[in-house]
Full PDB file with SEQRES, HELIX, SHEET, SSBOND, CRYST1, ORIGX, SCALE, CONECT and MASTER records, all heavy atoms in Angstrom:
SEQRES   1 A   39  MET ALA HIS MET GLY ALA ARG TYR GLY ASP GLU PHE HIS          
SEQRES   2 A   39  ALA GLU ALA ASN GLN GLY GLN MET GLN GLU VAL ALA ALA          
SEQRES   3 A   39  ARG ASP ARG ALA ARG ILE GLU CYS LEU ALA LYS GLY GLU          
HELIX    1 AA1 ALA A    6  TYR A    8  5                                   3    
HELIX    2 AA2 GLN A   20  LYS A   37  1                                  18    
CRYST1    1.000    1.000    1.000  90.00  90.00  90.00 P 1           1          
ORIGX1      1.000000  0.000000  0.000000        0.00000                         
ORIGX2      0.000000  1.000000  0.000000        0.00000                         
ORIGX3      0.000000  0.000000  1.000000        0.00000                         
SCALE1      1.000000  0.000000  0.000000        0.00000                         
SCALE2      0.000000  1.000000  0.000000        0.00000                         
SCALE3      0.000000  0.000000  1.000000        0.00000                         
ATOM      1  N   MET A   1      -4.908   6.583  -0.778  1.00  0.00           N  
ATOM      2  CA  MET A   1      -5.283   5.516   0.116  1.00  0.00           C  
ATOM      3  C   MET A   1      -4.159   5.279   1.122  1.00  0.00           C  
ATOM      4  O   MET A   1      -4.162   5.881   2.173  1.00  0.00           O  
ATOM      5  CB  MET A   1      -5.640   4.270  -0.682  1.00  0.00           C  
ATOM      6  CG  MET A   1      -6.839   4.507  -1.611  1.00  0.00           C  
ATOM      7  SD  MET A   1      -7.327   3.097  -2.630  1.00  0.00           S  
ATOM      8  CE  MET A   1      -5.812   2.542  -3.309  1.00  0.00           C  
ATOM      9  N   ALA A   2      -3.185   4.436   0.793  1.00  0.00           N  
ATOM     10  CA  ALA A   2      -2.084   4.163   1.720  1.00  0.00           C  
ATOM     11  C   ALA A   2      -1.136   5.353   1.785  1.00  0.00           C  
ATOM     12  O   ALA A   2      -0.924   6.062   0.799  1.00  0.00           O  
ATOM     13  CB  ALA A   2      -1.330   2.906   1.284  1.00  0.00           C  
ATOM     14  N   HIS A   3      -0.570   5.557   2.956  1.00  0.00           N  
ATOM     15  CA  HIS A   3       0.411   6.611   3.198  1.00  0.00           C  
ATOM     16  C   HIS A   3       1.625   5.937   3.832  1.00  0.00           C  
ATOM     17  O   HIS A   3       1.575   5.519   4.989  1.00  0.00           O  
ATOM     18  CB  HIS A   3      -0.163   7.671   4.136  1.00  0.00           C  
ATOM     19  CG  HIS A   3      -1.282   8.438   3.525  1.00  0.00           C  
ATOM     20  ND1 HIS A   3      -2.535   7.908   3.330  1.00  0.00           N  
ATOM     21  CD2 HIS A   3      -1.323   9.701   3.042  1.00  0.00           C  
ATOM     22  CE1 HIS A   3      -3.304   8.832   2.754  1.00  0.00           C  
ATOM     23  NE2 HIS A   3      -2.592   9.916   2.574  1.00  0.00           N  
ATOM     24  N   MET A   4       2.698   5.818   3.073  1.00  0.00           N  
ATOM     25  CA  MET A   4       3.847   5.028   3.500  1.00  0.00           C  
ATOM     26  C   MET A   4       5.138   5.834   3.395  1.00  0.00           C  
ATOM     27  O   MET A   4       5.265   6.712   2.543  1.00  0.00           O  
ATOM     28  CB  MET A   4       3.972   3.772   2.626  1.00  0.00           C  
ATOM     29  CG  MET A   4       2.700   2.929   2.526  1.00  0.00           C  
ATOM     30  SD  MET A   4       2.066   2.325   4.099  1.00  0.00           S  
ATOM     31  CE  MET A   4       3.372   1.239   4.594  1.00  0.00           C  
ATOM     32  N   GLY A   5       6.096   5.509   4.253  1.00  0.00           N  
ATOM     33  CA  GLY A   5       7.410   6.124   4.183  1.00  0.00           C  
ATOM     34  C   GLY A   5       7.693   7.065   5.339  1.00  0.00           C  
ATOM     35  O   GLY A   5       6.928   7.167   6.304  1.00  0.00           O  
ATOM     36  N   ALA A   6       8.810   7.749   5.232  1.00  0.00           N  
ATOM     37  CA  ALA A   6       9.326   8.591   6.316  1.00  0.00           C  
ATOM     38  C   ALA A   6       8.337   9.654   6.782  1.00  0.00           C  
ATOM     39  O   ALA A   6       8.165   9.875   7.985  1.00  0.00           O  
ATOM     40  CB  ALA A   6      10.625   9.247   5.870  1.00  0.00           C  
ATOM     41  N   ARG A   7       7.679  10.316   5.858  1.00  0.00           N  
ATOM     42  CA  ARG A   7       6.729  11.389   6.210  1.00  0.00           C  
ATOM     43  C   ARG A   7       5.609  10.873   7.123  1.00  0.00           C  
ATOM     44  O   ARG A   7       5.050  11.634   7.918  1.00  0.00           O  
ATOM     45  CB  ARG A   7       6.123  11.964   4.922  1.00  0.00           C  
ATOM     46  CG  ARG A   7       5.061  13.030   5.156  1.00  0.00           C  
ATOM     47  CD  ARG A   7       4.483  13.489   3.848  1.00  0.00           C  
ATOM     48  NE  ARG A   7       5.452  14.329   3.158  1.00  0.00           N  
ATOM     49  CZ  ARG A   7       5.132  15.403   2.454  1.00  0.00           C  
ATOM     50  NH1 ARG A   7       3.877  15.773   2.332  1.00  0.00           N  
ATOM     51  NH2 ARG A   7       6.057  16.102   1.854  1.00  0.00           N  
ATOM     52  N   TYR A   8       5.313   9.568   7.011  1.00  0.00           N  
ATOM     53  CA  TYR A   8       4.188   8.985   7.738  1.00  0.00           C  
ATOM     54  C   TYR A   8       4.638   8.082   8.884  1.00  0.00           C  
ATOM     55  O   TYR A   8       3.870   7.276   9.390  1.00  0.00           O  
ATOM     56  CB  TYR A   8       3.284   8.237   6.759  1.00  0.00           C  
ATOM     57  CG  TYR A   8       2.866   9.141   5.628  1.00  0.00           C  
ATOM     58  CD1 TYR A   8       3.382   8.962   4.351  1.00  0.00           C  
ATOM     59  CD2 TYR A   8       2.010  10.212   5.852  1.00  0.00           C  
ATOM     60  CE1 TYR A   8       3.032   9.813   3.315  1.00  0.00           C  
ATOM     61  CE2 TYR A   8       1.668  11.077   4.823  1.00  0.00           C  
ATOM     62  CZ  TYR A   8       2.178  10.871   3.557  1.00  0.00           C  
ATOM     63  OH  TYR A   8       1.839  11.722   2.541  1.00  0.00           O  
ATOM     64  N   GLY A   9       5.900   8.233   9.298  1.00  0.00           N  
ATOM     65  CA  GLY A   9       6.390   7.528  10.478  1.00  0.00           C  
ATOM     66  C   GLY A   9       6.959   6.139  10.229  1.00  0.00           C  
ATOM     67  O   GLY A   9       7.281   5.437  11.182  1.00  0.00           O  
ATOM     68  N   ASP A  10       7.091   5.736   8.980  1.00  0.00           N  
ATOM     69  CA  ASP A  10       7.673   4.429   8.682  1.00  0.00           C  
ATOM     70  C   ASP A  10       9.198   4.535   8.691  1.00  0.00           C  
ATOM     71  O   ASP A  10       9.761   5.596   8.416  1.00  0.00           O  
ATOM     72  CB  ASP A  10       7.198   3.918   7.318  1.00  0.00           C  
ATOM     73  CG  ASP A  10       5.708   3.647   7.309  1.00  0.00           C  
ATOM     74  OD1 ASP A  10       5.228   2.939   8.219  1.00  0.00           O  
ATOM     75  OD2 ASP A  10       5.017   4.146   6.405  1.00  0.00           O  
ATOM     76  N   GLU A  11       9.848   3.434   8.989  1.00  0.00           N  
ATOM     77  CA  GLU A  11      11.301   3.424   9.075  1.00  0.00           C  
ATOM     78  C   GLU A  11      11.953   2.943   7.785  1.00  0.00           C  
ATOM     79  O   GLU A  11      13.069   2.451   7.812  1.00  0.00           O  
ATOM     80  CB  GLU A  11      11.744   2.558  10.248  1.00  0.00           C  
ATOM     81  CG  GLU A  11      11.310   3.127  11.584  1.00  0.00           C  
ATOM     82  CD  GLU A  11      11.791   2.326  12.766  1.00  0.00           C  
ATOM     83  OE1 GLU A  11      12.625   1.415  12.592  1.00  0.00           O  
ATOM     84  OE2 GLU A  11      11.321   2.620  13.870  1.00  0.00           O  
ATOM     85  N   PHE A  12      11.273   3.083   6.675  1.00  0.00           N  
ATOM     86  CA  PHE A  12      11.859   2.682   5.397  1.00  0.00           C  
ATOM     87  C   PHE A  12      11.671   3.788   4.369  1.00  0.00           C  
ATOM     88  O   PHE A  12      10.762   4.603   4.461  1.00  0.00           O  
ATOM     89  CB  PHE A  12      11.287   1.349   4.891  1.00  0.00           C  
ATOM     90  CG  PHE A  12       9.832   1.388   4.517  1.00  0.00           C  
ATOM     91  CD1 PHE A  12       9.440   1.653   3.212  1.00  0.00           C  
ATOM     92  CD2 PHE A  12       8.850   1.141   5.461  1.00  0.00           C  
ATOM     93  CE1 PHE A  12       8.110   1.695   2.848  1.00  0.00           C  
ATOM     94  CE2 PHE A  12       7.507   1.176   5.114  1.00  0.00           C  
ATOM     95  CZ  PHE A  12       7.138   1.446   3.805  1.00  0.00           C  
ATOM     96  N   HIS A  13      12.554   3.792   3.416  1.00  0.00           N  
ATOM     97  CA  HIS A  13      12.505   4.729   2.294  1.00  0.00           C  
ATOM     98  C   HIS A  13      11.514   4.151   1.280  1.00  0.00           C  
ATOM     99  O   HIS A  13      11.737   3.068   0.753  1.00  0.00           O  
ATOM    100  CB  HIS A  13      13.904   4.848   1.683  1.00  0.00           C  
ATOM    101  CG  HIS A  13      13.961   5.741   0.498  1.00  0.00           C  
ATOM    102  ND1 HIS A  13      14.304   7.065   0.594  1.00  0.00           N  
ATOM    103  CD2 HIS A  13      13.720   5.503  -0.808  1.00  0.00           C  
ATOM    104  CE1 HIS A  13      14.278   7.606  -0.607  1.00  0.00           C  
ATOM    105  NE2 HIS A  13      13.929   6.686  -1.478  1.00  0.00           N  
ATOM    106  N   ALA A  14      10.419   4.831   1.043  1.00  0.00           N  
ATOM    107  CA  ALA A  14       9.387   4.332   0.125  1.00  0.00           C  
ATOM    108  C   ALA A  14       9.594   4.921  -1.264  1.00  0.00           C  
ATOM    109  O   ALA A  14       9.770   6.133  -1.416  1.00  0.00           O  
ATOM    110  CB  ALA A  14       8.001   4.697   0.643  1.00  0.00           C  
ATOM    111  N   GLU A  15       9.596   4.041  -2.254  1.00  0.00           N  
ATOM    112  CA  GLU A  15       9.695   4.467  -3.648  1.00  0.00           C  
ATOM    113  C   GLU A  15       8.544   3.833  -4.416  1.00  0.00           C  
ATOM    114  O   GLU A  15       8.358   2.611  -4.374  1.00  0.00           O  
ATOM    115  CB  GLU A  15      11.029   4.042  -4.250  1.00  0.00           C  
ATOM    116  CG  GLU A  15      11.252   4.611  -5.639  1.00  0.00           C  
ATOM    117  CD  GLU A  15      12.636   4.308  -6.184  1.00  0.00           C  
ATOM    118  OE1 GLU A  15      13.543   3.998  -5.393  1.00  0.00           O  
ATOM    119  OE2 GLU A  15      12.784   4.388  -7.412  1.00  0.00           O  
ATOM    120  N   ALA A  16       7.765   4.646  -5.096  1.00  0.00           N  
ATOM    121  CA  ALA A  16       6.569   4.176  -5.805  1.00  0.00           C  
ATOM    122  C   ALA A  16       6.874   2.956  -6.667  1.00  0.00           C  
ATOM    123  O   ALA A  16       7.836   2.951  -7.439  1.00  0.00           O  
ATOM    124  CB  ALA A  16       5.974   5.294  -6.658  1.00  0.00           C  
ATOM    125  N   ASN A  17       6.051   1.926  -6.492  1.00  0.00           N  
ATOM    126  CA  ASN A  17       6.086   0.694  -7.286  1.00  0.00           C  
ATOM    127  C   ASN A  17       7.395  -0.082  -7.178  1.00  0.00           C  
ATOM    128  O   ASN A  17       7.676  -0.926  -8.033  1.00  0.00           O  
ATOM    129  CB  ASN A  17       5.773   1.003  -8.761  1.00  0.00           C  
ATOM    130  CG  ASN A  17       4.414   1.639  -8.910  1.00  0.00           C  
ATOM    131  OD1 ASN A  17       3.408   1.093  -8.490  1.00  0.00           O  
ATOM    132  ND2 ASN A  17       4.388   2.832  -9.479  1.00  0.00           N  
ATOM    133  N   GLN A  18       8.168   0.174  -6.128  1.00  0.00           N  
ATOM    134  CA  GLN A  18       9.443  -0.516  -5.932  1.00  0.00           C  
ATOM    135  C   GLN A  18       9.502  -1.113  -4.528  1.00  0.00           C  
ATOM    136  O   GLN A  18       8.908  -0.578  -3.590  1.00  0.00           O  
ATOM    137  CB  GLN A  18      10.624   0.452  -6.101  1.00  0.00           C  
ATOM    138  CG  GLN A  18      10.685   1.165  -7.433  1.00  0.00           C  
ATOM    139  CD  GLN A  18      10.892   0.212  -8.594  1.00  0.00           C  
ATOM    140  OE1 GLN A  18      11.728  -0.679  -8.527  1.00  0.00           O  
ATOM    141  NE2 GLN A  18      10.130   0.398  -9.645  1.00  0.00           N  
ATOM    142  N   GLY A  19      10.247  -2.194  -4.374  1.00  0.00           N  
ATOM    143  CA  GLY A  19      10.505  -2.766  -3.058  1.00  0.00           C  
ATOM    144  C   GLY A  19       9.246  -3.038  -2.265  1.00  0.00           C  
ATOM    145  O   GLY A  19       8.327  -3.689  -2.749  1.00  0.00           O  
ATOM    146  N   GLN A  20       9.218  -2.516  -1.020  1.00  0.00           N  
ATOM    147  CA  GLN A  20       8.086  -2.752  -0.128  1.00  0.00           C  
ATOM    148  C   GLN A  20       6.764  -2.222  -0.689  1.00  0.00           C  
ATOM    149  O   GLN A  20       5.694  -2.683  -0.308  1.00  0.00           O  
ATOM    150  CB  GLN A  20       8.349  -2.121   1.240  1.00  0.00           C  
ATOM    151  CG  GLN A  20       9.391  -2.873   2.042  1.00  0.00           C  
ATOM    152  CD  GLN A  20       9.611  -2.249   3.403  1.00  0.00           C  
ATOM    153  OE1 GLN A  20      10.463  -1.387   3.555  1.00  0.00           O  
ATOM    154  NE2 GLN A  20       8.842  -2.686   4.375  1.00  0.00           N  
ATOM    155  N   MET A  21       6.837  -1.275  -1.593  1.00  0.00           N  
ATOM    156  CA  MET A  21       5.610  -0.725  -2.160  1.00  0.00           C  
ATOM    157  C   MET A  21       4.901  -1.721  -3.075  1.00  0.00           C  
ATOM    158  O   MET A  21       3.707  -1.576  -3.334  1.00  0.00           O  
ATOM    159  CB  MET A  21       5.895   0.590  -2.884  1.00  0.00           C  
ATOM    160  CG  MET A  21       6.283   1.728  -1.939  1.00  0.00           C  
ATOM    161  SD  MET A  21       5.144   1.982  -0.540  1.00  0.00           S  
ATOM    162  CE  MET A  21       3.628   2.381  -1.395  1.00  0.00           C  
ATOM    163  N   GLN A  22       5.584  -2.748  -3.533  1.00  0.00           N  
ATOM    164  CA  GLN A  22       4.918  -3.803  -4.304  1.00  0.00           C  
ATOM    165  C   GLN A  22       4.016  -4.629  -3.392  1.00  0.00           C  
ATOM    166  O   GLN A  22       2.920  -5.020  -3.786  1.00  0.00           O  
ATOM    167  CB  GLN A  22       5.943  -4.671  -5.018  1.00  0.00           C  
ATOM    168  CG  GLN A  22       6.659  -3.916  -6.128  1.00  0.00           C  
ATOM    169  CD  GLN A  22       7.773  -4.713  -6.766  1.00  0.00           C  
ATOM    170  OE1 GLN A  22       8.399  -5.561  -6.151  1.00  0.00           O  
ATOM    171  NE2 GLN A  22       8.023  -4.427  -8.037  1.00  0.00           N  
ATOM    172  N   GLU A  23       4.468  -4.875  -2.155  1.00  0.00           N  
ATOM    173  CA  GLU A  23       3.622  -5.567  -1.179  1.00  0.00           C  
ATOM    174  C   GLU A  23       2.428  -4.694  -0.796  1.00  0.00           C  
ATOM    175  O   GLU A  23       1.309  -5.175  -0.654  1.00  0.00           O  
ATOM    176  CB  GLU A  23       4.412  -5.924   0.076  1.00  0.00           C  
ATOM    177  CG  GLU A  23       3.559  -6.606   1.129  1.00  0.00           C  
ATOM    178  CD  GLU A  23       4.272  -6.808   2.446  1.00  0.00           C  
ATOM    179  OE1 GLU A  23       5.514  -6.852   2.474  1.00  0.00           O  
ATOM    180  OE2 GLU A  23       3.563  -6.911   3.467  1.00  0.00           O  
ATOM    181  N   VAL A  24       2.675  -3.388  -0.648  1.00  0.00           N  
ATOM    182  CA  VAL A  24       1.581  -2.460  -0.347  1.00  0.00           C  
ATOM    183  C   VAL A  24       0.547  -2.506  -1.462  1.00  0.00           C  
ATOM    184  O   VAL A  24      -0.658  -2.548  -1.201  1.00  0.00           O  
ATOM    185  CB  VAL A  24       2.120  -1.020  -0.136  1.00  0.00           C  
ATOM    186  CG1 VAL A  24       0.981  -0.005  -0.069  1.00  0.00           C  
ATOM    187  CG2 VAL A  24       2.976  -0.953   1.123  1.00  0.00           C  
ATOM    188  N   ALA A  25       0.988  -2.548  -2.714  1.00  0.00           N  
ATOM    189  CA  ALA A  25       0.052  -2.622  -3.846  1.00  0.00           C  
ATOM    190  C   ALA A  25      -0.806  -3.873  -3.757  1.00  0.00           C  
ATOM    191  O   ALA A  25      -2.023  -3.816  -3.994  1.00  0.00           O  
ATOM    192  CB  ALA A  25       0.812  -2.592  -5.169  1.00  0.00           C  
ATOM    193  N   ALA A  26      -0.212  -5.000  -3.414  1.00  0.00           N  
ATOM    194  CA  ALA A  26      -0.980  -6.246  -3.290  1.00  0.00           C  
ATOM    195  C   ALA A  26      -2.006  -6.136  -2.172  1.00  0.00           C  
ATOM    196  O   ALA A  26      -3.164  -6.566  -2.329  1.00  0.00           O  
ATOM    197  CB  ALA A  26      -0.036  -7.423  -3.047  1.00  0.00           C  
ATOM    198  N   ARG A  27      -1.622  -5.532  -1.065  1.00  0.00           N  
ATOM    199  CA  ARG A  27      -2.556  -5.357   0.057  1.00  0.00           C  
ATOM    200  C   ARG A  27      -3.646  -4.343  -0.293  1.00  0.00           C  
ATOM    201  O   ARG A  27      -4.821  -4.530   0.067  1.00  0.00           O  
ATOM    202  CB  ARG A  27      -1.795  -4.964   1.303  1.00  0.00           C  
ATOM    203  CG  ARG A  27      -0.894  -6.116   1.804  1.00  0.00           C  
ATOM    204  CD  ARG A  27      -0.096  -5.744   3.014  1.00  0.00           C  
ATOM    205  NE  ARG A  27      -0.978  -5.422   4.125  1.00  0.00           N  
ATOM    206  CZ  ARG A  27      -0.597  -4.681   5.175  1.00  0.00           C  
ATOM    207  NH1 ARG A  27       0.625  -4.194   5.240  1.00  0.00           N  
ATOM    208  NH2 ARG A  27      -1.444  -4.431   6.149  1.00  0.00           N  
ATOM    209  N   ASP A  28      -3.279  -3.264  -0.992  1.00  0.00           N  
ATOM    210  CA  ASP A  28      -4.286  -2.310  -1.460  1.00  0.00           C  
ATOM    211  C   ASP A  28      -5.299  -3.016  -2.355  1.00  0.00           C  
ATOM    212  O   ASP A  28      -6.515  -2.824  -2.221  1.00  0.00           O  
ATOM    213  CB  ASP A  28      -3.636  -1.183  -2.275  1.00  0.00           C  
ATOM    214  CG  ASP A  28      -3.030  -0.069  -1.445  1.00  0.00           C  
ATOM    215  OD1 ASP A  28      -3.255  -0.002  -0.224  1.00  0.00           O  
ATOM    216  OD2 ASP A  28      -2.297   0.756  -2.043  1.00  0.00           O  
ATOM    217  N   ARG A  29      -4.802  -3.821  -3.274  1.00  0.00           N  
ATOM    218  CA  ARG A  29      -5.686  -4.505  -4.227  1.00  0.00           C  
ATOM    219  C   ARG A  29      -6.620  -5.490  -3.524  1.00  0.00           C  
ATOM    220  O   ARG A  29      -7.771  -5.656  -3.952  1.00  0.00           O  
ATOM    221  CB  ARG A  29      -4.884  -5.170  -5.333  1.00  0.00           C  
ATOM    222  CG  ARG A  29      -4.302  -4.135  -6.290  1.00  0.00           C  
ATOM    223  CD  ARG A  29      -3.547  -4.768  -7.448  1.00  0.00           C  
ATOM    224  NE  ARG A  29      -2.925  -3.757  -8.290  1.00  0.00           N  
ATOM    225  CZ  ARG A  29      -3.542  -3.097  -9.254  1.00  0.00           C  
ATOM    226  NH1 ARG A  29      -4.812  -3.321  -9.504  1.00  0.00           N  
ATOM    227  NH2 ARG A  29      -2.889  -2.202  -9.982  1.00  0.00           N  
ATOM    228  N   ALA A  30      -6.170  -6.115  -2.455  1.00  0.00           N  
ATOM    229  CA  ALA A  30      -7.049  -7.000  -1.687  1.00  0.00           C  
ATOM    230  C   ALA A  30      -8.202  -6.195  -1.084  1.00  0.00           C  
ATOM    231  O   ALA A  30      -9.363  -6.635  -1.106  1.00  0.00           O  
ATOM    232  CB  ALA A  30      -6.261  -7.728  -0.604  1.00  0.00           C  
ATOM    233  N   ARG A  31      -7.902  -5.009  -0.579  1.00  0.00           N  
ATOM    234  CA  ARG A  31      -8.956  -4.147  -0.030  1.00  0.00           C  
ATOM    235  C   ARG A  31      -9.892  -3.669  -1.143  1.00  0.00           C  
ATOM    236  O   ARG A  31     -11.117  -3.653  -0.969  1.00  0.00           O  
ATOM    237  CB  ARG A  31      -8.353  -2.938   0.682  1.00  0.00           C  
ATOM    238  CG  ARG A  31      -7.610  -3.297   1.950  1.00  0.00           C  
ATOM    239  CD  ARG A  31      -7.045  -2.066   2.609  1.00  0.00           C  
ATOM    240  NE  ARG A  31      -6.250  -2.394   3.780  1.00  0.00           N  
ATOM    241  CZ  ARG A  31      -5.872  -1.514   4.691  1.00  0.00           C  
ATOM    242  NH1 ARG A  31      -6.219  -0.247   4.576  1.00  0.00           N  
ATOM    243  NH2 ARG A  31      -5.139  -1.885   5.720  1.00  0.00           N  
ATOM    244  N   ILE A  32      -9.314  -3.287  -2.266  1.00  0.00           N  
ATOM    245  CA  ILE A  32     -10.117  -2.835  -3.405  1.00  0.00           C  
ATOM    246  C   ILE A  32     -11.044  -3.948  -3.879  1.00  0.00           C  
ATOM    247  O   ILE A  32     -12.205  -3.697  -4.215  1.00  0.00           O  
ATOM    248  CB  ILE A  32      -9.197  -2.331  -4.543  1.00  0.00           C  
ATOM    249  CG1 ILE A  32      -8.533  -1.015  -4.126  1.00  0.00           C  
ATOM    250  CG2 ILE A  32      -9.961  -2.171  -5.847  1.00  0.00           C  
ATOM    251  CD1 ILE A  32      -7.378  -0.595  -5.015  1.00  0.00           C  
ATOM    252  N   GLU A  33     -10.551  -5.175  -3.882  1.00  0.00           N  
ATOM    253  CA  GLU A  33     -11.382  -6.312  -4.295  1.00  0.00           C  
ATOM    254  C   GLU A  33     -12.577  -6.474  -3.367  1.00  0.00           C  
ATOM    255  O   GLU A  33     -13.693  -6.711  -3.822  1.00  0.00           O  
ATOM    256  CB  GLU A  33     -10.547  -7.588  -4.308  1.00  0.00           C  
ATOM    257  CG  GLU A  33     -11.307  -8.787  -4.843  1.00  0.00           C  
ATOM    258  CD  GLU A  33     -10.436 -10.028  -4.965  1.00  0.00           C  
ATOM    259  OE1 GLU A  33      -9.251  -9.882  -5.345  1.00  0.00           O  
ATOM    260  OE2 GLU A  33     -10.941 -11.113  -4.678  1.00  0.00           O  
ATOM    261  N   CYS A  34     -12.371  -6.320  -2.072  1.00  0.00           N  
ATOM    262  CA  CYS A  34     -13.496  -6.384  -1.128  1.00  0.00           C  
ATOM    263  C   CYS A  34     -14.488  -5.263  -1.395  1.00  0.00           C  
ATOM    264  O   CYS A  34     -15.705  -5.487  -1.370  1.00  0.00           O  
ATOM    265  CB  CYS A  34     -12.994  -6.310   0.311  1.00  0.00           C  
ATOM    266  SG  CYS A  34     -12.227  -7.816   0.919  1.00  0.00           S  
ATOM    267  N   LEU A  35     -13.977  -4.055  -1.638  1.00  0.00           N  
ATOM    268  CA  LEU A  35     -14.864  -2.936  -1.959  1.00  0.00           C  
ATOM    269  C   LEU A  35     -15.692  -3.254  -3.199  1.00  0.00           C  
ATOM    270  O   LEU A  35     -16.909  -3.029  -3.219  1.00  0.00           O  
ATOM    271  CB  LEU A  35     -14.060  -1.661  -2.196  1.00  0.00           C  
ATOM    272  CG  LEU A  35     -13.368  -1.033  -0.996  1.00  0.00           C  
ATOM    273  CD1 LEU A  35     -12.432   0.087  -1.438  1.00  0.00           C  
ATOM    274  CD2 LEU A  35     -14.394  -0.520   0.004  1.00  0.00           C  
ATOM    275  N   ALA A  36     -15.043  -3.770  -4.226  1.00  0.00           N  
ATOM    276  CA  ALA A  36     -15.732  -4.057  -5.483  1.00  0.00           C  
ATOM    277  C   ALA A  36     -16.820  -5.113  -5.303  1.00  0.00           C  
ATOM    278  O   ALA A  36     -17.864  -5.044  -5.952  1.00  0.00           O  
ATOM    279  CB  ALA A  36     -14.727  -4.513  -6.540  1.00  0.00           C  
ATOM    280  N   LYS A  37     -16.594  -6.059  -4.426  1.00  0.00           N  
ATOM    281  CA  LYS A  37     -17.569  -7.135  -4.191  1.00  0.00           C  
ATOM    282  C   LYS A  37     -18.613  -6.774  -3.142  1.00  0.00           C  
ATOM    283  O   LYS A  37     -19.510  -7.563  -2.880  1.00  0.00           O  
ATOM    284  CB  LYS A  37     -16.835  -8.403  -3.753  1.00  0.00           C  
ATOM    285  CG  LYS A  37     -15.988  -9.016  -4.835  1.00  0.00           C  
ATOM    286  CD  LYS A  37     -15.292 -10.252  -4.317  1.00  0.00           C  
ATOM    287  CE  LYS A  37     -14.442 -10.920  -5.378  1.00  0.00           C  
ATOM    288  NZ  LYS A  37     -13.747 -12.108  -4.827  1.00  0.00           N  
ATOM    289  N   GLY A  38     -18.471  -5.606  -2.533  1.00  0.00           N  
ATOM    290  CA  GLY A  38     -19.415  -5.200  -1.494  1.00  0.00           C  
ATOM    291  C   GLY A  38     -19.229  -5.943  -0.194  1.00  0.00           C  
ATOM    292  O   GLY A  38     -20.151  -6.057   0.605  1.00  0.00           O  
ATOM    293  N   GLU A  39     -18.026  -6.433   0.063  1.00  0.00           N  
ATOM    294  CA  GLU A  39     -17.740  -7.233   1.255  1.00  0.00           C  
ATOM    295  C   GLU A  39     -17.258  -6.336   2.397  1.00  0.00           C  
ATOM    296  O   GLU A  39     -16.062  -6.168   2.617  1.00  0.00           O  
ATOM    297  CB  GLU A  39     -16.686  -8.292   0.935  1.00  0.00           C  
ATOM    298  CG  GLU A  39     -17.160  -9.308  -0.071  1.00  0.00           C  
ATOM    299  CD  GLU A  39     -16.076 -10.293  -0.491  1.00  0.00           C  
ATOM    300  OE1 GLU A  39     -14.904 -10.162  -0.058  1.00  0.00           O  
ATOM    301  OE2 GLU A  39     -16.401 -11.198  -1.268  1.00  0.00           O  
TER     302      GLU A  39                                                      
MASTER        0    0    0    2    0    0    0    6  301    1    0    3          
END                                                                             
């Protein structure tokens, strides 16, 4: 789903489930919740 970090043009070092990726997880889950509800 999300593509984050240097390879994708971001200016931060992305580490799975750490730092900024925790915010990404929360945003991913908000999208997933909409998908699950058919919204």
